[in-house]
Amino acid sequence: EEHIAEVVSMMTGIPVKKVAKQELDKLAHMEASIQAKIIGQENAISKVVRAIQRNRAGLKDPNKPIGSFIFLGPTGVGKTQLAKEIAIQLFDSADALVRIDMSEYM
């Protein structure tokens, strides 16, 4: 992690401590930030954010993905929006989301 922070610091000119602090701040406020945008999915948001926080804190196998999440439910409950918000929180862009609409395969 230190090496990654150093590379990011070199590329952006932002001091290493500031990069690490921004990541910690983002993780600390992630749940509230997502819940402010997604209504009625508090439990799902909480579980996904906790999985992400465990990953970022180094409490899981580094050879495994951040998490594998399957969002199921009827149209309009916030599945896609939650995935987009997670992508924005983690990668600063909703374009980082890979979406597969399984209804196309029925």
PDB file of N, CA and C in Angstrom:
ATOM      1  N   GLU A   1       0.810  -1.192   0.000  1.00  0.00           N
ATOM      2  CA  GLU A   1       0.000   0.000   0.000  1.00  0.00           C
ATOM      3  C   GLU A   1       0.854   1.257   0.000  1.00  0.00           C
ATOM      4  N   GLU A   2       1.948   1.211   0.750  1.00  0.00           N
ATOM      5  CA  GLU A   2       2.819   2.383   0.805  1.00  0.00           C
ATOM      6  C   GLU A   2       3.376   2.707  -0.570  1.00  0.00           C
ATOM      7  N   HIS A   3       3.750   1.664  -1.326  1.00  0.00           N
ATOM      8  CA  HIS A   3       4.301   1.880  -2.665  1.00  0.00           C
ATOM      9  C   HIS A   3       3.251   2.487  -3.589  1.00  0.00           C
ATOM     10  N   ILE A   4       2.028   2.008  -3.482  1.00  0.00           N
ATOM     11  CA  ILE A   4       0.947   2.548  -4.310  1.00  0.00           C
ATOM     12  C   ILE A   4       0.733   4.017  -3.977  1.00  0.00           C
ATOM     13  N   ALA A   5       0.688   4.325  -2.686  1.00  0.00           N
ATOM     14  CA  ALA A   5       0.507   5.719  -2.275  1.00  0.00           C
ATOM     15  C   ALA A   5       1.648   6.593  -2.783  1.00  0.00           C
ATOM     16  N   GLU A   6       2.868   6.060  -2.767  1.00  0.00           N
ATOM     17  CA  GLU A   6       4.018   6.824  -3.254  1.00  0.00           C
ATOM     18  C   GLU A   6       3.911   7.080  -4.753  1.00  0.00           C
ATOM     19  N   VAL A   7       3.493   6.080  -5.514  1.00  0.00           N
ATOM     20  CA  VAL A   7       3.339   6.246  -6.964  1.00  0.00           C
ATOM     21  C   VAL A   7       2.241   7.260  -7.263  1.00  0.00           C
ATOM     22  N   VAL A   8       1.113   7.133  -6.577  1.00  0.00           N
ATOM     23  CA  VAL A   8       0.024   8.097  -6.773  1.00  0.00           C
ATOM     24  C   VAL A   8       0.506   9.493  -6.410  1.00  0.00           C
ATOM     25  N   SER A   9       1.259   9.597  -5.338  1.00  0.00           N
ATOM     26  CA  SER A   9       1.800  10.887  -4.919  1.00  0.00           C
ATOM     27  C   SER A   9       2.718  11.473  -5.992  1.00  0.00           C
ATOM     28  N   MET A  10       3.583  10.631  -6.550  1.00  0.00           N
ATOM     29  CA  MET A  10       4.499  11.096  -7.605  1.00  0.00           C
ATOM     30  C   MET A  10       3.723  11.555  -8.834  1.00  0.00           C
ATOM     31  N   MET A  11       2.691  10.816  -9.209  1.00  0.00           N
ATOM     32  CA  MET A  11       1.932  11.136 -10.419  1.00  0.00           C
ATOM     33  C   MET A  11       1.080  12.392 -10.251  1.00  0.00           C
ATOM     34  N   THR A  12       0.550  12.603  -9.039  1.00  0.00           N
ATOM     35  CA  THR A  12      -0.368  13.718  -8.827  1.00  0.00           C
ATOM     36  C   THR A  12       0.268  14.923  -8.163  1.00  0.00           C
ATOM     37  N   GLY A  13       1.414  14.696  -7.512  1.00  0.00           N
ATOM     38  CA  GLY A  13       2.038  15.780  -6.771  1.00  0.00           C
ATOM     39  C   GLY A  13       1.415  16.003  -5.402  1.00  0.00           C
ATOM     40  N   ILE A  14       0.479  15.124  -5.013  1.00  0.00           N
ATOM     41  CA  ILE A  14      -0.170  15.226  -3.704  1.00  0.00           C
ATOM     42  C   ILE A  14       0.666  14.437  -2.700  1.00  0.00           C
ATOM     43  N   PRO A  15       0.979  15.003  -1.543  1.00  0.00           N
ATOM     44  CA  PRO A  15       1.784  14.282  -0.547  1.00  0.00           C
ATOM     45  C   PRO A  15       1.157  12.947  -0.148  1.00  0.00           C
ATOM     46  N   VAL A  16       2.012  11.950   0.144  1.00  0.00           N
ATOM     47  CA  VAL A  16       1.555  10.594   0.476  1.00  0.00           C
ATOM     48  C   VAL A  16       0.553  10.611   1.622  1.00  0.00           C
ATOM     49  N   LYS A  17       0.828  11.364   2.667  1.00  0.00           N
ATOM     50  CA  LYS A  17      -0.081  11.402   3.818  1.00  0.00           C
ATOM     51  C   LYS A  17      -1.459  11.896   3.418  1.00  0.00           C
ATOM     52  N   LYS A  18      -1.505  12.840   2.491  1.00  0.00           N
ATOM     53  CA  LYS A  18      -2.790  13.376   2.058  1.00  0.00           C
ATOM     54  C   LYS A  18      -3.556  12.335   1.243  1.00  0.00           C
ATOM     55  N   VAL A  19      -2.862  11.567   0.397  1.00  0.00           N
ATOM     56  CA  VAL A  19      -3.506  10.506  -0.389  1.00  0.00           C
ATOM     57  C   VAL A  19      -4.115   9.475   0.553  1.00  0.00           C
ATOM     58  N   ALA A  20      -3.348   9.030   1.547  1.00  0.00           N
ATOM     59  CA  ALA A  20      -3.832   8.032   2.502  1.00  0.00           C
ATOM     60  C   ALA A  20      -5.004   8.583   3.308  1.00  0.00           C
ATOM     61  N   LYS A  21      -4.920   9.839   3.707  1.00  0.00           N
ATOM     62  CA  LYS A  21      -6.002  10.451   4.485  1.00  0.00           C
ATOM     63  C   LYS A  21      -7.270  10.554   3.651  1.00  0.00           C
ATOM     64  N   GLN A  22      -7.144  10.897   2.382  1.00  0.00           N
ATOM     65  CA  GLN A  22      -8.319  10.991   1.520  1.00  0.00           C
ATOM     66  C   GLN A  22      -9.002   9.635   1.390  1.00  0.00           C
ATOM     67  N   GLU A  23      -8.213   8.568   1.267  1.00  0.00           N
ATOM     68  CA  GLU A  23      -8.769   7.221   1.182  1.00  0.00           C
ATOM     69  C   GLU A  23      -9.507   6.873   2.471  1.00  0.00           C
ATOM     70  N   LEU A  24      -8.895   7.171   3.620  1.00  0.00           N
ATOM     71  CA  LEU A  24      -9.542   6.891   4.906  1.00  0.00           C
ATOM     72  C   LEU A  24     -10.829   7.689   5.065  1.00  0.00           C
ATOM     73  N   ASP A  25     -10.793   8.953   4.683  1.00  0.00           N
ATOM     74  CA  ASP A  25     -11.997   9.791   4.769  1.00  0.00           C
ATOM     75  C   ASP A  25     -13.102   9.242   3.877  1.00  0.00           C
ATOM     76  N   LYS A  26     -12.724   8.830   2.679  1.00  0.00           N
ATOM     77  CA  LYS A  26     -13.705   8.285   1.743  1.00  0.00           C
ATOM     78  C   LYS A  26     -14.349   7.021   2.321  1.00  0.00           C
ATOM     79  N   LEU A  27     -13.528   6.134   2.881  1.00  0.00           N
ATOM     80  CA  LEU A  27     -14.052   4.902   3.476  1.00  0.00           C
ATOM     81  C   LEU A  27     -14.940   5.196   4.681  1.00  0.00           C
ATOM     82  N   ALA A  28     -14.528   6.152   5.494  1.00  0.00           N
ATOM     83  CA  ALA A  28     -15.285   6.478   6.701  1.00  0.00           C
ATOM     84  C   ALA A  28     -16.664   7.048   6.384  1.00  0.00           C
ATOM     85  N   HIS A  29     -16.780   7.767   5.282  1.00  0.00           N
ATOM     86  CA  HIS A  29     -18.041   8.428   4.939  1.00  0.00           C
ATOM     87  C   HIS A  29     -18.794   7.740   3.799  1.00  0.00           C
ATOM     88  N   MET A  30     -18.285   6.619   3.324  1.00  0.00           N
ATOM     89  CA  MET A  30     -18.871   5.952   2.161  1.00  0.00           C
ATOM     90  C   MET A  30     -20.329   5.562   2.389  1.00  0.00           C
ATOM     91  N   GLU A  31     -20.619   4.942   3.516  1.00  0.00           N
ATOM     92  CA  GLU A  31     -21.987   4.472   3.759  1.00  0.00           C
ATOM     93  C   GLU A  31     -22.972   5.633   3.771  1.00  0.00           C
ATOM     94  N   ALA A  32     -22.657   6.686   4.494  1.00  0.00           N
ATOM     95  CA  ALA A  32     -23.551   7.847   4.567  1.00  0.00           C
ATOM     96  C   ALA A  32     -23.714   8.502   3.201  1.00  0.00           C
ATOM     97  N   SER A  33     -22.631   8.572   2.453  1.00  0.00           N
ATOM     98  CA  SER A  33     -22.678   9.184   1.125  1.00  0.00           C
ATOM     99  C   SER A  33     -23.595   8.407   0.180  1.00  0.00           C
ATOM    100  N   ILE A  34     -23.474   7.080   0.210  1.00  0.00           N
ATOM    101  CA  ILE A  34     -24.316   6.250  -0.663  1.00  0.00           C
ATOM    102  C   ILE A  34     -25.765   6.291  -0.187  1.00  0.00           C
ATOM    103  N   GLN A  35     -25.983   6.217   1.131  1.00  0.00           N
ATOM    104  CA  GLN A  35     -27.352   6.226   1.651  1.00  0.00           C
ATOM    105  C   GLN A  35     -28.061   7.543   1.366  1.00  0.00           C
ATOM    106  N   ALA A  36     -27.306   8.618   1.204  1.00  0.00           N
ATOM    107  CA  ALA A  36     -27.916   9.901   0.863  1.00  0.00           C
ATOM    108  C   ALA A  36     -28.473   9.893  -0.557  1.00  0.00           C
ATOM    109  N   LYS A  37     -27.987   8.962  -1.390  1.00  0.00           N
ATOM    110  CA  LYS A  37     -28.404   8.918  -2.792  1.00  0.00           C
ATOM    111  C   LYS A  37     -29.323   7.744  -3.120  1.00  0.00           C
ATOM    112  N   ILE A  38     -29.305   6.703  -2.288  1.00  0.00           N
ATOM    113  CA  ILE A  38     -30.112   5.502  -2.518  1.00  0.00           C
ATOM    114  C   ILE A  38     -31.103   5.380  -1.366  1.00  0.00           C
ATOM    115  N   ILE A  39     -32.377   5.381  -1.668  1.00  0.00           N
ATOM    116  CA  ILE A  39     -33.411   5.344  -0.636  1.00  0.00           C
ATOM    117  C   ILE A  39     -33.950   3.925  -0.479  1.00  0.00           C
ATOM    118  N   GLY A  40     -34.105   3.489   0.767  1.00  0.00           N
ATOM    119  CA  GLY A  40     -34.770   2.225   1.052  1.00  0.00           C
ATOM    120  C   GLY A  40     -33.907   0.983   0.962  1.00  0.00           C
ATOM    121  N   GLN A  41     -32.601   1.134   0.836  1.00  0.00           N
ATOM    122  CA  GLN A  41     -31.713  -0.029   0.724  1.00  0.00           C
ATOM    123  C   GLN A  41     -30.613   0.025   1.781  1.00  0.00           C
ATOM    124  N   GLU A  42     -30.964   0.475   2.973  1.00  0.00           N
ATOM    125  CA  GLU A  42     -29.978   0.672   4.034  1.00  0.00           C
ATOM    126  C   GLU A  42     -29.204  -0.606   4.352  1.00  0.00           C
ATOM    127  N   ASN A  43     -29.915  -1.741   4.462  1.00  0.00           N
ATOM    128  CA  ASN A  43     -29.269  -3.006   4.816  1.00  0.00           C
ATOM    129  C   ASN A  43     -28.272  -3.438   3.736  1.00  0.00           C
ATOM    130  N   ALA A  44     -28.684  -3.365   2.479  1.00  0.00           N
ATOM    131  CA  ALA A  44     -27.797  -3.753   1.372  1.00  0.00           C
ATOM    132  C   ALA A  44     -26.574  -2.840   1.324  1.00  0.00           C
ATOM    133  N   ILE A  45     -26.796  -1.548   1.469  1.00  0.00           N
ATOM    134  CA  ILE A  45     -25.690  -0.586   1.438  1.00  0.00           C
ATOM    135  C   ILE A  45     -24.709  -0.879   2.563  1.00  0.00           C
ATOM    136  N   SER A  46     -25.223  -1.110   3.748  1.00  0.00           N
ATOM    137  CA  SER A  46     -24.377  -1.384   4.904  1.00  0.00           C
ATOM    138  C   SER A  46     -23.505  -2.616   4.680  1.00  0.00           C
ATOM    139  N   LYS A  47     -24.084  -3.683   4.156  1.00  0.00           N
ATOM    140  CA  LYS A  47     -23.327  -4.923   3.946  1.00  0.00           C
ATOM    141  C   LYS A  47     -22.258  -4.759   2.867  1.00  0.00           C
ATOM    142  N   VAL A  48     -22.599  -4.083   1.791  1.00  0.00           N
ATOM    143  CA  VAL A  48     -21.631  -3.875   0.712  1.00  0.00           C
ATOM    144  C   VAL A  48     -20.485  -2.982   1.192  1.00  0.00           C
ATOM    145  N   VAL A  49     -20.810  -1.902   1.871  1.00  0.00           N
ATOM    146  CA  VAL A  49     -19.779  -0.977   2.358  1.00  0.00           C
ATOM    147  C   VAL A  49     -18.859  -1.671   3.356  1.00  0.00           C
ATOM    148  N   ARG A  50     -19.415  -2.492   4.226  1.00  0.00           N
ATOM    149  CA  ARG A  50     -18.578  -3.209   5.194  1.00  0.00           C
ATOM    150  C   ARG A  50     -17.611  -4.170   4.491  1.00  0.00           C
ATOM    151  N   ALA A  51     -18.068  -4.826   3.440  1.00  0.00           N
ATOM    152  CA  ALA A  51     -17.182  -5.714   2.672  1.00  0.00           C
ATOM    153  C   ALA A  51     -16.047  -4.908   2.042  1.00  0.00           C
ATOM    154  N   ILE A  52     -16.362  -3.741   1.510  1.00  0.00           N
ATOM    155  CA  ILE A  52     -15.346  -2.879   0.903  1.00  0.00           C
ATOM    156  C   ILE A  52     -14.364  -2.386   1.968  1.00  0.00           C
ATOM    157  N   GLN A  53     -14.876  -1.987   3.112  1.00  0.00           N
ATOM    158  CA  GLN A  53     -14.010  -1.504   4.188  1.00  0.00           C
ATOM    159  C   GLN A  53     -13.081  -2.611   4.688  1.00  0.00           C
ATOM    160  N   ARG A  54     -13.593  -3.838   4.811  1.00  0.00           N
ATOM    161  CA  ARG A  54     -12.740  -4.963   5.222  1.00  0.00           C
ATOM    162  C   ARG A  54     -11.617  -5.164   4.216  1.00  0.00           C
ATOM    163  N   ASN A  55     -11.954  -5.069   2.937  1.00  0.00           N
ATOM    164  CA  ASN A  55     -10.948  -5.237   1.894  1.00  0.00           C
ATOM    165  C   ASN A  55      -9.881  -4.162   1.986  1.00  0.00           C
ATOM    166  N   ARG A  56     -10.298  -2.928   2.089  1.00  0.00           N
ATOM    167  CA  ARG A  56      -9.359  -1.809   2.115  1.00  0.00           C
ATOM    168  C   ARG A  56      -8.519  -1.789   3.393  1.00  0.00           C
ATOM    169  N   ALA A  57      -9.059  -2.362   4.473  1.00  0.00           N
ATOM    170  CA  ALA A  57      -8.322  -2.412   5.737  1.00  0.00           C
ATOM    171  C   ALA A  57      -7.345  -3.579   5.772  1.00  0.00           C
ATOM    172  N   GLY A  58      -7.372  -4.411   4.730  1.00  0.00           N
ATOM    173  CA  GLY A  58      -6.459  -5.542   4.659  1.00  0.00           C
ATOM    174  C   GLY A  58      -6.914  -6.743   5.461  1.00  0.00           C
ATOM    175  N   LEU A  59      -8.201  -6.838   5.752  1.00  0.00           N
ATOM    176  CA  LEU A  59      -8.723  -7.933   6.566  1.00  0.00           C
ATOM    177  C   LEU A  59      -9.233  -9.101   5.733  1.00  0.00           C
ATOM    178  N   LYS A  60      -8.756  -9.227   4.510  1.00  0.00           N
ATOM    179  CA  LYS A  60      -9.151 -10.353   3.668  1.00  0.00           C
ATOM    180  C   LYS A  60      -7.991 -10.735   2.764  1.00  0.00           C
ATOM    181  N   ASP A  61      -8.151 -11.832   2.081  1.00  0.00           N
ATOM    182  CA  ASP A  61      -7.119 -12.346   1.180  1.00  0.00           C
ATOM    183  C   ASP A  61      -6.883 -11.356   0.037  1.00  0.00           C
ATOM    184  N   PRO A  62      -5.659 -10.833  -0.115  1.00  0.00           N
ATOM    185  CA  PRO A  62      -5.387  -9.852  -1.172  1.00  0.00           C
ATOM    186  C   PRO A  62      -5.477 -10.435  -2.582  1.00  0.00           C
ATOM    187  N   ASN A  63      -5.512 -11.759  -2.701  1.00  0.00           N
ATOM    188  CA  ASN A  63      -5.620 -12.391  -4.016  1.00  0.00           C
ATOM    189  C   ASN A  63      -7.062 -12.548  -4.474  1.00  0.00           C
ATOM    190  N   LYS A  64      -7.989 -12.147  -3.641  1.00  0.00           N
ATOM    191  CA  LYS A  64      -9.405 -12.238  -3.993  1.00  0.00           C
ATOM    192  C   LYS A  64      -9.925 -10.848  -4.344  1.00  0.00           C
ATOM    193  N   PRO A  65     -11.026 -10.778  -5.078  1.00  0.00           N
ATOM    194  CA  PRO A  65     -11.572  -9.469  -5.454  1.00  0.00           C
ATOM    195  C   PRO A  65     -12.090  -8.703  -4.239  1.00  0.00           C
ATOM    196  N   ILE A  66     -12.331  -7.408  -4.427  1.00  0.00           N
ATOM    197  CA  ILE A  66     -12.892  -6.568  -3.372  1.00  0.00           C
ATOM    198  C   ILE A  66     -14.173  -7.208  -2.852  1.00  0.00           C
ATOM    199  N   GLY A  67     -14.945  -7.719  -3.752  1.00  0.00           N
ATOM    200  CA  GLY A  67     -16.197  -8.384  -3.398  1.00  0.00           C
ATOM    201  C   GLY A  67     -16.911  -8.792  -4.658  1.00  0.00           C
ATOM    202  N   SER A  68     -17.758  -9.772  -4.529  1.00  0.00           N
ATOM    203  CA  SER A  68     -18.621 -10.181  -5.636  1.00  0.00           C
ATOM    204  C   SER A  68     -20.045  -9.977  -5.159  1.00  0.00           C
ATOM    205  N   PHE A  69     -20.748  -9.102  -5.811  1.00  0.00           N
ATOM    206  CA  PHE A  69     -22.082  -8.740  -5.367  1.00  0.00           C
ATOM    207  C   PHE A  69     -23.086  -9.031  -6.473  1.00  0.00           C
ATOM    208  N   ILE A  70     -24.185  -9.662  -6.102  1.00  0.00           N
ATOM    209  CA  ILE A  70     -25.286  -9.893  -7.033  1.00  0.00           C
ATOM    210  C   ILE A  70     -26.485  -9.151  -6.467  1.00  0.00           C
ATOM    211  N   PHE A  71     -26.982  -8.192  -7.213  1.00  0.00           N
ATOM    212  CA  PHE A  71     -28.142  -7.426  -6.778  1.00  0.00           C
ATOM    213  C   PHE A  71     -29.361  -7.954  -7.517  1.00  0.00           C
ATOM    214  N   LEU A  72     -30.304  -8.493  -6.769  1.00  0.00           N
ATOM    215  CA  LEU A  72     -31.506  -9.087  -7.338  1.00  0.00           C
ATOM    216  C   LEU A  72     -32.734  -8.332  -6.863  1.00  0.00           C
ATOM    217  N   GLY A  73     -33.747  -8.296  -7.704  1.00  0.00           N
ATOM    218  CA  GLY A  73     -34.999  -7.677  -7.298  1.00  0.00           C
ATOM    219  C   GLY A  73     -35.720  -7.086  -8.485  1.00  0.00           C
ATOM    220  N   PRO A  74     -36.934  -6.616  -8.245  1.00  0.00           N
ATOM    221  CA  PRO A  74     -37.729  -6.047  -9.331  1.00  0.00           C
ATOM    222  C   PRO A  74     -37.149  -4.728  -9.838  1.00  0.00           C
ATOM    223  N   THR A  75     -37.635  -4.300 -10.960  1.00  0.00           N
ATOM    224  CA  THR A  75     -37.219  -3.040 -11.567  1.00  0.00           C
ATOM    225  C   THR A  75     -37.510  -1.871 -10.630  1.00  0.00           C
ATOM    226  N   GLY A  76     -36.565  -0.947 -10.568  1.00  0.00           N
ATOM    227  CA  GLY A  76     -36.803   0.300  -9.853  1.00  0.00           C
ATOM    228  C   GLY A  76     -36.502   0.309  -8.369  1.00  0.00           C
ATOM    229  N   VAL A  77     -35.830  -0.714  -7.849  1.00  0.00           N
ATOM    230  CA  VAL A  77     -35.545  -0.730  -6.407  1.00  0.00           C
ATOM    231  C   VAL A  77     -34.158  -0.187  -6.067  1.00  0.00           C
ATOM    232  N   GLY A  78     -33.335   0.119  -7.082  1.00  0.00           N
ATOM    233  CA  GLY A  78     -32.045   0.750  -6.832  1.00  0.00           C
ATOM    234  C   GLY A  78     -30.827  -0.118  -7.062  1.00  0.00           C
ATOM    235  N   LYS A  79     -30.990  -1.262  -7.707  1.00  0.00           N
ATOM    236  CA  LYS A  79     -29.855  -2.173  -7.932  1.00  0.00           C
ATOM    237  C   LYS A  79     -28.764  -1.511  -8.762  1.00  0.00           C
ATOM    238  N   THR A  80     -29.119  -1.005  -9.910  1.00  0.00           N
ATOM    239  CA  THR A  80     -28.138  -0.391 -10.804  1.00  0.00           C
ATOM    240  C   THR A  80     -27.576   0.883 -10.193  1.00  0.00           C
ATOM    241  N   GLN A  81     -28.426   1.669  -9.567  1.00  0.00           N
ATOM    242  CA  GLN A  81     -27.953   2.917  -8.964  1.00  0.00           C
ATOM    243  C   GLN A  81     -26.965   2.641  -7.839  1.00  0.00           C
ATOM    244  N   LEU A  82     -27.211   1.601  -7.038  1.00  0.00           N
ATOM    245  CA  LEU A  82     -26.274   1.235  -5.974  1.00  0.00           C
ATOM    246  C   LEU A  82     -24.933   0.830  -6.572  1.00  0.00           C
ATOM    247  N   ALA A  83     -24.963   0.026  -7.617  1.00  0.00           N
ATOM    248  CA  ALA A  83     -23.716  -0.394  -8.265  1.00  0.00           C
ATOM    249  C   ALA A  83     -22.962   0.816  -8.823  1.00  0.00           C
ATOM    250  N   LYS A  84     -23.678   1.764  -9.419  1.00  0.00           N
ATOM    251  CA  LYS A  84     -23.040   2.976  -9.944  1.00  0.00           C
ATOM    252  C   LYS A  84     -22.414   3.798  -8.820  1.00  0.00           C
ATOM    253  N   GLU A  85     -23.117   3.932  -7.716  1.00  0.00           N
ATOM    254  CA  GLU A  85     -22.585   4.703  -6.586  1.00  0.00           C
ATOM    255  C   GLU A  85     -21.337   4.049  -6.007  1.00  0.00           C
ATOM    256  N   ILE A  86     -21.323   2.722  -5.953  1.00  0.00           N
ATOM    257  CA  ILE A  86     -20.135   2.011  -5.473  1.00  0.00           C
ATOM    258  C   ILE A  86     -18.964   2.279  -6.413  1.00  0.00           C
ATOM    259  N   ALA A  87     -19.215   2.217  -7.724  1.00  0.00           N
ATOM    260  CA  ALA A  87     -18.159   2.492  -8.703  1.00  0.00           C
ATOM    261  C   ALA A  87     -17.625   3.916  -8.541  1.00  0.00           C
ATOM    262  N   ILE A  88     -18.518   4.853  -8.324  1.00  0.00           N
ATOM    263  CA  ILE A  88     -18.099   6.246  -8.132  1.00  0.00           C
ATOM    264  C   ILE A  88     -17.259   6.380  -6.866  1.00  0.00           C
ATOM    265  N   GLN A  89     -17.701   5.752  -5.792  1.00  0.00           N
ATOM    266  CA  GLN A  89     -16.968   5.835  -4.524  1.00  0.00           C
ATOM    267  C   GLN A  89     -15.576   5.212  -4.629  1.00  0.00           C
ATOM    268  N   LEU A  90     -15.482   4.073  -5.303  1.00  0.00           N
ATOM    269  CA  LEU A  90     -14.208   3.354  -5.371  1.00  0.00           C
ATOM    270  C   LEU A  90     -13.282   3.854  -6.470  1.00  0.00           C
ATOM    271  N   PHE A  91     -13.867   4.214  -7.624  1.00  0.00           N
ATOM    272  CA  PHE A  91     -13.045   4.512  -8.798  1.00  0.00           C
ATOM    273  C   PHE A  91     -13.298   5.898  -9.383  1.00  0.00           C
ATOM    274  N   ASP A  92     -14.096   6.707  -8.684  1.00  0.00           N
ATOM    275  CA  ASP A  92     -14.404   8.078  -9.102  1.00  0.00           C
ATOM    276  C   ASP A  92     -15.106   8.173 -10.444  1.00  0.00           C
ATOM    277  N   SER A  93     -15.733   7.082 -10.886  1.00  0.00           N
ATOM    278  CA  SER A  93     -16.452   7.108 -12.156  1.00  0.00           C
ATOM    279  C   SER A  93     -17.457   5.966 -12.225  1.00  0.00           C
ATOM    280  N   ALA A  94     -18.665   6.277 -12.657  1.00  0.00           N
ATOM    281  CA  ALA A  94     -19.671   5.234 -12.862  1.00  0.00           C
ATOM    282  C   ALA A  94     -19.292   4.355 -14.048  1.00  0.00           C
ATOM    283  N   ASP A  95     -18.369   4.828 -14.885  1.00  0.00           N
ATOM    284  CA  ASP A  95     -17.927   4.046 -16.043  1.00  0.00           C
ATOM    285  C   ASP A  95     -17.145   2.801 -15.639  1.00  0.00           C
ATOM    286  N   ALA A  96     -16.718   2.724 -14.375  1.00  0.00           N
ATOM    287  CA  ALA A  96     -15.988   1.545 -13.895  1.00  0.00           C
ATOM    288  C   ALA A  96     -16.922   0.355 -13.683  1.00  0.00           C
ATOM    289  N   LEU A  97     -18.216   0.591 -13.763  1.00  0.00           N
ATOM    290  CA  LEU A  97     -19.214  -0.455 -13.565  1.00  0.00           C
ATOM    291  C   LEU A  97     -19.323  -1.340 -14.800  1.00  0.00           C
ATOM    292  N   VAL A  98     -19.287  -2.646 -14.578  1.00  0.00           N
ATOM    293  CA  VAL A  98     -19.565  -3.610 -15.648  1.00  0.00           C
ATOM    294  C   VAL A  98     -20.948  -4.162 -15.354  1.00  0.00           C
ATOM    295  N   ARG A  99     -21.901  -3.867 -16.215  1.00  0.00           N
ATOM    296  CA  ARG A  99     -23.295  -4.242 -15.983  1.00  0.00           C
ATOM    297  C   ARG A  99     -23.711  -5.302 -16.986  1.00  0.00           C
ATOM    298  N   ILE A 100     -24.257  -6.397 -16.469  1.00  0.00           N
ATOM    299  CA  ILE A 100     -24.776  -7.461 -17.321  1.00  0.00           C
ATOM    300  C   ILE A 100     -26.253  -7.611 -16.999  1.00  0.00           C
ATOM    301  N   ASP A 101     -27.104  -7.278 -17.942  1.00  0.00           N
ATOM    302  CA  ASP A 101     -28.552  -7.373 -17.756  1.00  0.00           C
ATOM    303  C   ASP A 101     -28.985  -8.782 -18.134  1.00  0.00           C
ATOM    304  N   MET A 102     -29.226  -9.603 -17.132  1.00  0.00           N
ATOM    305  CA  MET A 102     -29.542 -11.009 -17.377  1.00  0.00           C
ATOM    306  C   MET A 102     -30.938 -11.209 -17.963  1.00  0.00           C
ATOM    307  N   SER A 103     -31.797 -10.181 -17.920  1.00  0.00           N
ATOM    308  CA  SER A 103     -33.127 -10.332 -18.516  1.00  0.00           C
ATOM    309  C   SER A 103     -33.026 -10.494 -20.029  1.00  0.00           C
ATOM    310  N   GLU A 104     -31.904 -10.098 -20.598  1.00  0.00           N
ATOM    311  CA  GLU A 104     -31.698 -10.250 -22.038  1.00  0.00           C
ATOM    312  C   GLU A 104     -31.481 -11.703 -22.434  1.00  0.00           C
ATOM    313  N   TYR A 105     -31.203 -12.566 -21.455  1.00  0.00           N
ATOM    314  CA  TYR A 105     -30.890 -13.963 -21.739  1.00  0.00           C
ATOM    315  C   TYR A 105     -32.041 -14.896 -21.400  1.00  0.00           C
ATOM    316  N   MET A 106     -33.210 -14.358 -21.155  1.00  0.00           N
ATOM    317  CA  MET A 106     -34.362 -15.197 -20.801  1.00  0.00           C
ATOM    318  C   MET A 106     -35.134 -15.595 -22.039  1.00  0.00           C
TER     319      MET A 106
END
